[in-house]
N, C-alpha and C. Protein backbone atom coordinates (compact mmCIF):
# COMPACT_ATOMS: atom_id res chain seq x y z
N MET A 1 88.79 63.82 108.37
CA MET A 1 89.69 64.58 108.21
C MET A 1 90.32 64.92 106.35
N ARG A 2 90.33 63.47 106.01
CA ARG A 2 90.55 64.19 104.59
C ARG A 2 89.32 64.57 104.03
N HIS A 3 88.20 64.57 104.03
CA HIS A 3 87.38 65.33 103.36
C HIS A 3 87.51 66.49 104.17
N LEU A 4 87.58 66.95 105.10
CA LEU A 4 87.99 68.46 105.12
C LEU A 4 89.22 69.60 104.80
N LEU A 5 90.47 68.46 104.37
CA LEU A 5 91.25 69.17 103.29
C LEU A 5 90.36 69.39 102.62
N ILE A 6 90.46 68.68 101.55
CA ILE A 6 89.83 69.00 100.03
C ILE A 6 88.36 69.75 99.89
N LEU A 7 87.75 70.05 101.36
CA LEU A 7 87.16 71.11 101.17
C LEU A 7 87.22 72.30 100.77
N VAL A 8 88.55 72.62 101.74
CA VAL A 8 89.33 73.92 102.64
C VAL A 8 89.91 74.76 101.07
N PRO A 9 89.94 74.48 100.15
CA PRO A 9 91.11 74.63 98.92
C PRO A 9 89.77 74.97 97.86
N LEU A 10 88.43 74.23 97.96
CA LEU A 10 87.09 74.89 97.17
C LEU A 10 86.86 75.71 98.08
N LEU A 11 86.19 76.38 99.00
CA LEU A 11 85.63 77.16 99.95
C LEU A 11 86.58 78.59 99.66
N ALA A 12 87.91 78.42 99.41
CA ALA A 12 88.54 79.39 98.91
C ALA A 12 87.80 80.76 98.29
N GLY A 13 87.62 79.97 96.98
CA GLY A 13 87.10 81.08 95.99
C GLY A 13 85.65 81.94 96.61
N CYS A 14 85.02 80.98 97.46
CA CYS A 14 83.97 81.43 97.92
C CYS A 14 83.50 82.49 98.56
N SER A 15 82.18 83.00 98.29
CA SER A 15 81.94 84.57 99.57
C SER A 15 80.30 84.15 100.02
N LEU A 16 80.59 84.92 101.17
CA LEU A 16 79.07 84.58 101.08
C LEU A 16 77.80 85.85 100.41
N VAL A 17 76.38 85.24 100.74
CA VAL A 17 76.15 85.44 99.62
C VAL A 17 74.47 86.44 100.69
N ASP A 18 74.77 87.65 100.64
CA ASP A 18 74.44 88.86 101.77
C ASP A 18 73.59 89.64 100.29
N GLN A 19 73.22 91.57 101.17
CA GLN A 19 72.68 92.06 100.71
C GLN A 19 73.35 92.46 98.99
N THR A 20 74.49 92.90 99.61
CA THR A 20 75.53 93.83 98.89
C THR A 20 75.98 92.59 97.44
N THR A 21 75.26 91.31 97.69
CA THR A 21 75.54 90.20 96.30
C THR A 21 74.04 91.07 95.16
N PHE A 22 73.76 91.42 95.62
CA PHE A 22 71.80 91.50 95.20
C PHE A 22 72.08 92.76 94.31
N ALA A 23 72.57 93.75 95.61
CA ALA A 23 72.27 95.14 94.71
C ALA A 23 74.13 95.58 94.49
N PRO A 24 73.24 96.72 93.73
CA PRO A 24 75.13 97.04 92.91
C PRO A 24 75.79 98.45 93.97
N SER A 25 77.12 98.01 93.64
CA SER A 25 77.41 98.71 94.37
C SER A 25 77.29 100.23 94.33
N PRO A 26 78.10 101.67 95.40
CA PRO A 26 77.76 102.66 95.48
C PRO A 26 78.48 103.33 94.29
N GLU A 27 79.27 103.06 93.32
CA GLU A 27 80.74 103.07 92.22
C GLU A 27 80.55 102.36 91.57
N ALA A 28 79.03 101.86 91.02
CA ALA A 28 78.83 101.58 89.45
C ALA A 28 78.18 102.31 89.15
N THR A 29 78.38 102.56 88.26
CA THR A 29 77.64 103.97 87.27
C THR A 29 77.61 103.46 86.03
N PRO A 30 76.07 103.53 85.85
CA PRO A 30 75.51 102.87 84.53
C PRO A 30 76.27 103.69 82.63
N GLU A 31 76.13 102.00 82.40
CA GLU A 31 76.78 102.70 80.98
C GLU A 31 76.02 103.68 79.67
N PRO A 32 75.96 104.77 79.58
CA PRO A 32 76.13 105.44 78.40
C PRO A 32 75.01 104.41 77.61
N ALA A 33 73.70 105.35 77.45
CA ALA A 33 73.15 105.12 76.27
C ALA A 33 73.76 105.34 75.15
N ALA A 34 72.78 104.47 74.09
CA ALA A 34 73.68 104.69 72.39
C ALA A 34 72.88 105.67 72.00
N ALA A 35 73.42 106.65 70.97
CA ALA A 35 73.26 107.28 70.36
C ALA A 35 72.27 107.47 69.77
N PRO A 36 71.02 108.25 70.01
CA PRO A 36 69.63 108.07 69.60
C PRO A 36 69.59 108.93 68.26
N ARG A 37 69.07 108.15 67.04
CA ARG A 37 69.66 107.83 65.27
C ARG A 37 68.66 109.44 64.94
N PRO A 38 68.93 110.18 64.57
CA PRO A 38 67.97 111.78 64.33
C PRO A 38 67.45 111.03 63.21
N GLY A 39 66.08 111.59 63.47
CA GLY A 39 65.25 112.14 62.67
C GLY A 39 63.95 110.57 63.54
N PRO A 40 62.98 110.46 62.49
CA PRO A 40 62.25 109.48 62.91
C PRO A 40 61.83 108.06 62.44
N SER A 41 62.25 106.96 63.40
CA SER A 41 62.58 105.43 62.88
C SER A 41 61.61 105.22 62.06
N VAL A 42 62.17 104.43 60.92
CA VAL A 42 61.18 104.00 59.78
C VAL A 42 60.56 102.80 60.51
N ASP A 43 61.72 101.97 60.70
CA ASP A 43 60.68 100.62 61.14
C ASP A 43 61.74 100.10 62.06
N PRO A 44 61.06 99.55 63.48
CA PRO A 44 62.17 98.98 63.93
C PRO A 44 62.34 97.60 63.70
N ARG A 45 61.70 97.15 62.63
CA ARG A 45 62.42 95.74 62.34
C ARG A 45 63.50 95.74 61.77
N GLN A 46 64.42 94.26 61.98
CA GLN A 46 65.27 93.95 60.96
C GLN A 46 64.75 93.61 59.52
N PRO A 47 65.77 94.54 58.25
CA PRO A 47 64.96 94.00 56.99
C PRO A 47 65.78 91.98 56.69
N LEU A 48 65.29 91.48 56.51
CA LEU A 48 65.69 90.07 55.39
C LEU A 48 66.75 90.63 54.39
N VAL A 49 66.53 91.81 53.19
CA VAL A 49 67.42 92.35 52.29
C VAL A 49 67.00 93.77 52.49
N THR A 50 68.51 94.84 52.14
CA THR A 50 68.09 96.12 51.77
C THR A 50 69.11 96.23 50.39
N MET A 51 68.38 96.87 49.53
CA MET A 51 68.91 97.44 48.09
C MET A 51 68.86 98.68 48.40
N THR A 52 70.06 99.22 47.44
CA THR A 52 70.49 100.66 47.80
C THR A 52 70.79 100.93 46.56
N TRP A 53 69.83 101.75 45.90
CA TRP A 53 69.58 102.69 44.73
C TRP A 53 70.65 103.76 44.99
N GLY A 54 72.02 104.51 44.20
CA GLY A 54 73.01 104.96 44.32
C GLY A 54 72.68 105.83 43.29
N SER A 55 74.45 105.93 42.15
CA SER A 55 74.44 106.15 40.85
C SER A 55 73.75 104.91 39.66
N GLN A 56 73.76 104.23 40.23
CA GLN A 56 73.01 102.86 39.56
C GLN A 56 72.56 102.09 40.37
N THR A 57 71.61 101.18 39.43
CA THR A 57 70.51 100.18 40.34
C THR A 57 71.73 98.44 40.56
N PRO A 58 71.03 98.17 41.98
CA PRO A 58 71.70 97.75 42.19
C PRO A 58 71.63 95.93 41.89
N ARG A 59 72.14 95.53 42.01
CA ARG A 59 72.48 93.76 41.21
C ARG A 59 72.10 92.88 42.03
N TYR A 60 70.31 92.66 42.23
CA TYR A 60 69.97 92.37 43.83
C TYR A 60 69.82 91.20 43.64
N LYS A 61 69.24 90.40 42.20
CA LYS A 61 68.45 89.64 41.60
C LYS A 61 68.65 87.99 42.22
N GLU A 62 69.78 87.46 42.43
CA GLU A 62 70.27 87.20 42.96
C GLU A 62 70.46 86.66 44.53
N MET A 63 70.71 87.79 45.34
CA MET A 63 70.96 87.51 47.12
C MET A 63 69.48 87.65 46.75
N LEU A 64 68.48 88.56 46.48
CA LEU A 64 67.04 88.34 47.20
C LEU A 64 66.02 87.06 46.56
N GLY A 65 67.21 86.02 45.94
CA GLY A 65 66.66 84.64 45.85
C GLY A 65 66.87 83.69 46.32
N TYR A 66 67.69 84.23 47.01
CA TYR A 66 68.72 82.99 47.99
C TYR A 66 67.57 83.49 49.36
N ALA A 67 67.52 84.82 49.58
CA ALA A 67 67.62 85.66 50.69
C ALA A 67 65.66 84.89 50.37
N VAL A 68 65.19 84.74 49.78
CA VAL A 68 63.68 84.53 50.03
C VAL A 68 63.76 82.70 49.98
N HIS A 69 64.79 81.91 49.38
CA HIS A 69 64.70 80.85 49.26
C HIS A 69 64.67 80.38 50.72
N ALA A 70 65.53 80.69 51.90
CA ALA A 70 65.42 80.88 53.00
C ALA A 70 64.52 81.06 53.71
N ALA A 71 63.90 82.10 52.87
CA ALA A 71 62.93 82.84 54.64
C ALA A 71 61.63 81.68 54.54
N GLU A 72 61.31 81.34 52.75
CA GLU A 72 60.61 79.58 52.36
C GLU A 72 61.38 78.61 53.06
N ALA A 73 61.92 78.42 52.94
CA ALA A 73 62.23 76.84 54.54
C ALA A 73 62.42 77.15 55.57
N ARG A 74 61.96 78.48 56.58
CA ARG A 74 61.92 77.82 57.69
C ARG A 74 60.28 78.43 57.59
N SER A 75 59.25 79.42 56.96
CA SER A 75 57.75 79.50 56.30
C SER A 75 57.30 79.59 55.39
N PRO A 76 56.20 78.66 55.68
CA PRO A 76 56.27 78.31 53.90
C PRO A 76 55.13 79.71 53.59
N ALA A 77 54.17 80.03 54.69
CA ALA A 77 53.60 80.93 54.59
C ALA A 77 54.46 82.36 54.51
N VAL A 78 55.23 82.97 54.89
CA VAL A 78 55.60 84.11 55.01
C VAL A 78 55.31 84.85 53.91
N GLN A 79 55.16 86.24 54.77
CA GLN A 79 54.46 87.13 54.58
C GLN A 79 55.59 88.31 54.58
N TYR A 80 56.18 88.72 53.21
CA TYR A 80 56.89 90.09 52.55
C TYR A 80 56.69 90.94 52.70
N ASP A 81 56.65 92.53 52.99
CA ASP A 81 56.13 93.79 53.55
C ASP A 81 57.53 94.09 52.40
N VAL A 82 57.45 95.00 51.86
CA VAL A 82 58.67 95.47 50.25
C VAL A 82 58.51 96.68 50.22
N ILE A 83 59.13 97.78 51.20
CA ILE A 83 59.45 98.65 51.79
C ILE A 83 60.08 99.64 51.24
N SER A 84 59.63 100.31 49.86
CA SER A 84 60.91 101.26 50.00
C SER A 84 60.68 103.00 50.59
N VAL A 85 62.38 103.10 50.23
CA VAL A 85 62.80 103.96 51.82
C VAL A 85 63.44 105.83 50.94
N VAL A 86 62.73 106.63 50.95
CA VAL A 86 63.60 107.49 50.38
C VAL A 86 63.27 108.71 50.79
N ARG A 87 64.20 109.84 50.68
CA ARG A 87 64.67 111.52 51.42
C ARG A 87 63.28 111.92 51.64
N ASP A 88 62.61 112.15 50.78
CA ASP A 88 61.39 113.86 50.47
C ASP A 88 59.90 113.01 49.63
N ALA A 89 59.24 113.51 49.31
CA ALA A 89 57.99 113.20 49.23
C ALA A 89 58.19 112.90 47.21
N ALA A 90 59.25 113.74 46.58
CA ALA A 90 58.77 114.04 45.38
C ALA A 90 59.49 112.80 45.03
N ALA A 91 60.55 112.10 45.73
CA ALA A 91 61.19 110.72 44.84
C ALA A 91 59.57 109.09 44.91
N VAL A 92 58.72 109.61 46.06
CA VAL A 92 57.76 108.61 45.79
C VAL A 92 57.45 107.76 44.96
N PRO A 93 56.81 108.67 44.00
CA PRO A 93 56.86 107.91 42.51
C PRO A 93 58.46 106.83 41.96
N THR A 94 59.09 107.05 42.07
CA THR A 94 60.79 106.17 42.00
C THR A 94 60.91 105.77 42.52
N GLY A 95 60.74 105.71 43.75
CA GLY A 95 60.34 104.40 44.56
C GLY A 95 59.82 103.51 44.77
N THR A 96 58.31 103.79 44.31
CA THR A 96 57.34 102.78 44.26
C THR A 96 57.54 102.13 43.26
N GLU A 97 58.18 102.67 42.60
CA GLU A 97 58.75 101.28 41.17
C GLU A 97 59.63 100.84 41.09
N HIS A 98 60.93 101.16 41.94
CA HIS A 98 62.04 100.27 42.68
C HIS A 98 61.26 99.29 43.32
N ALA A 99 60.06 99.76 44.78
CA ALA A 99 59.60 98.72 45.57
C ALA A 99 58.62 97.51 44.36
N SER A 100 57.59 97.74 43.27
CA SER A 100 57.76 97.58 42.33
C SER A 100 58.29 96.51 41.48
N ASP A 101 59.72 96.24 41.51
CA ASP A 101 60.76 95.69 40.49
C ASP A 101 60.66 94.90 41.58
N VAL A 102 60.91 95.16 42.56
CA VAL A 102 61.53 94.28 44.12
C VAL A 102 60.64 93.31 43.85
N MET A 103 59.62 93.49 43.92
CA MET A 103 58.34 92.56 43.81
C MET A 103 58.11 91.81 43.39
N ARG A 104 58.31 92.16 42.25
CA ARG A 104 58.25 90.85 40.95
C ARG A 104 59.35 90.49 40.66
N ALA A 105 60.71 90.58 41.84
CA ALA A 105 61.88 89.64 41.30
C ALA A 105 61.41 88.27 42.81
N ILE A 106 60.79 88.77 43.93
CA ILE A 106 59.67 87.53 44.76
C ILE A 106 58.84 87.04 44.20
N MET A 107 58.42 87.26 43.38
CA MET A 107 57.35 86.82 42.69
C MET A 107 58.03 85.85 41.64
N ALA A 108 58.84 85.81 41.21
CA ALA A 108 59.28 85.58 40.08
C ALA A 108 60.52 83.53 40.18
N GLU A 109 60.19 84.17 41.83
CA GLU A 109 60.50 82.70 42.63
C GLU A 109 59.66 81.93 43.20
N ARG A 110 58.39 82.55 43.00
CA ARG A 110 57.23 81.56 42.86
C ARG A 110 56.62 82.06 44.46
N VAL A 111 56.91 82.69 44.55
CA VAL A 111 55.85 83.16 45.87
C VAL A 111 54.69 84.33 45.48
N PRO A 112 52.93 83.84 45.69
CA PRO A 112 52.54 84.47 45.20
C PRO A 112 51.82 85.64 45.26
N ALA A 113 51.40 86.45 44.40
CA ALA A 113 51.21 88.09 44.87
C ALA A 113 50.43 88.26 46.57
N SER A 114 49.80 87.62 46.55
CA SER A 114 48.80 88.12 48.09
C SER A 114 49.69 88.08 49.00
N ARG A 115 51.55 86.97 49.02
CA ARG A 115 51.73 87.09 50.36
C ARG A 115 52.82 88.90 49.87
N VAL A 116 52.81 89.13 49.81
CA VAL A 116 53.91 91.02 49.21
C VAL A 116 52.66 91.33 49.62
N HIS A 117 53.75 92.59 50.53
CA HIS A 117 52.74 93.45 50.47
C HIS A 117 54.09 94.90 50.26
N LEU A 118 53.22 95.13 49.51
CA LEU A 118 54.50 97.45 48.88
C LEU A 118 54.01 98.41 50.40
N GLY A 119 54.65 98.74 49.81
CA GLY A 119 54.56 100.45 50.83
C GLY A 119 55.93 101.50 50.61
N VAL A 120 55.82 103.09 51.20
CA VAL A 120 56.10 103.52 50.26
C VAL A 120 56.76 104.33 52.07
N ARG A 121 58.14 104.65 52.46
CA ARG A 121 57.90 105.41 53.60
C ARG A 121 59.37 107.02 53.42
N VAL A 122 59.00 107.71 53.85
CA VAL A 122 59.76 108.72 53.57
C VAL A 122 60.32 109.13 54.99
N ASP A 123 62.15 109.43 54.97
CA ASP A 123 62.90 108.78 56.28
C ASP A 123 64.23 109.77 55.14
N PRO A 124 63.99 111.62 56.17
CA PRO A 124 64.84 112.39 55.76
C PRO A 124 66.24 112.29 55.34
N VAL A 125 66.70 111.26 56.57
CA VAL A 125 67.90 111.18 57.11
C VAL A 125 68.89 109.61 55.68
N VAL A 126 67.51 108.74 55.57
CA VAL A 126 68.64 108.05 54.58
C VAL A 126 69.24 108.82 53.27
N PRO A 127 70.22 108.30 53.48
CA PRO A 127 71.25 108.83 52.41
C PRO A 127 70.82 108.57 51.28
N ASP A 128 70.66 107.77 50.10
CA ASP A 128 70.01 107.23 48.99
C ASP A 128 69.07 106.35 48.87
N PRO A 129 67.82 106.32 48.53
CA PRO A 129 66.56 105.40 48.46
C PRO A 129 66.70 104.01 48.39
N GLN A 130 65.85 103.89 49.13
CA GLN A 130 66.32 102.30 49.34
C GLN A 130 65.43 101.66 49.58
N VAL A 131 65.30 99.95 49.13
CA VAL A 131 63.78 99.70 49.07
C VAL A 131 64.63 98.13 49.85
N ARG A 132 63.96 98.03 51.18
CA ARG A 132 63.59 96.69 52.48
C ARG A 132 62.62 95.75 51.92
N VAL A 133 63.00 94.56 52.91
CA VAL A 133 62.63 93.72 52.47
C VAL A 133 62.63 92.64 53.97
N TYR A 134 60.75 93.37 54.29
CA TYR A 134 60.97 92.53 55.69
C TYR A 134 60.12 91.57 55.96
N VAL A 135 60.11 90.43 56.54
CA VAL A 135 59.64 89.19 56.80
C VAL A 135 58.33 89.58 57.59
N ARG A 136 57.06 88.57 57.94
CA ARG A 136 56.68 88.72 59.43
C ARG A 136 55.36 86.82 58.58
């Protein structure tokens, strides 16, 4: 009898499992989808570091050094994709120069050139030229 008195309060908050437990209720409304980003997606990966060239050259070497050391500690054979993202094809030479500078900064952290890969991509919605460093 005593066990029954203990079970009654515990079971009061319980409900029976049936089909409605696993089926969504008719009143449930789907959540709205996220607004799509205008233009093509440059790269779906999350960059390790992003440097933006606005009116002046960013001071990125110290931050990049910390990021490279953290990536190297996680995996000593990590590969780096250094991708310059520019607004239009006319900015490709400048973007290549920025990516090369970032590559040299990564190599200054004792990463062999064979593990650093350069690239340039055009994204018409990028506000300012960027260099993104991805790891793989």
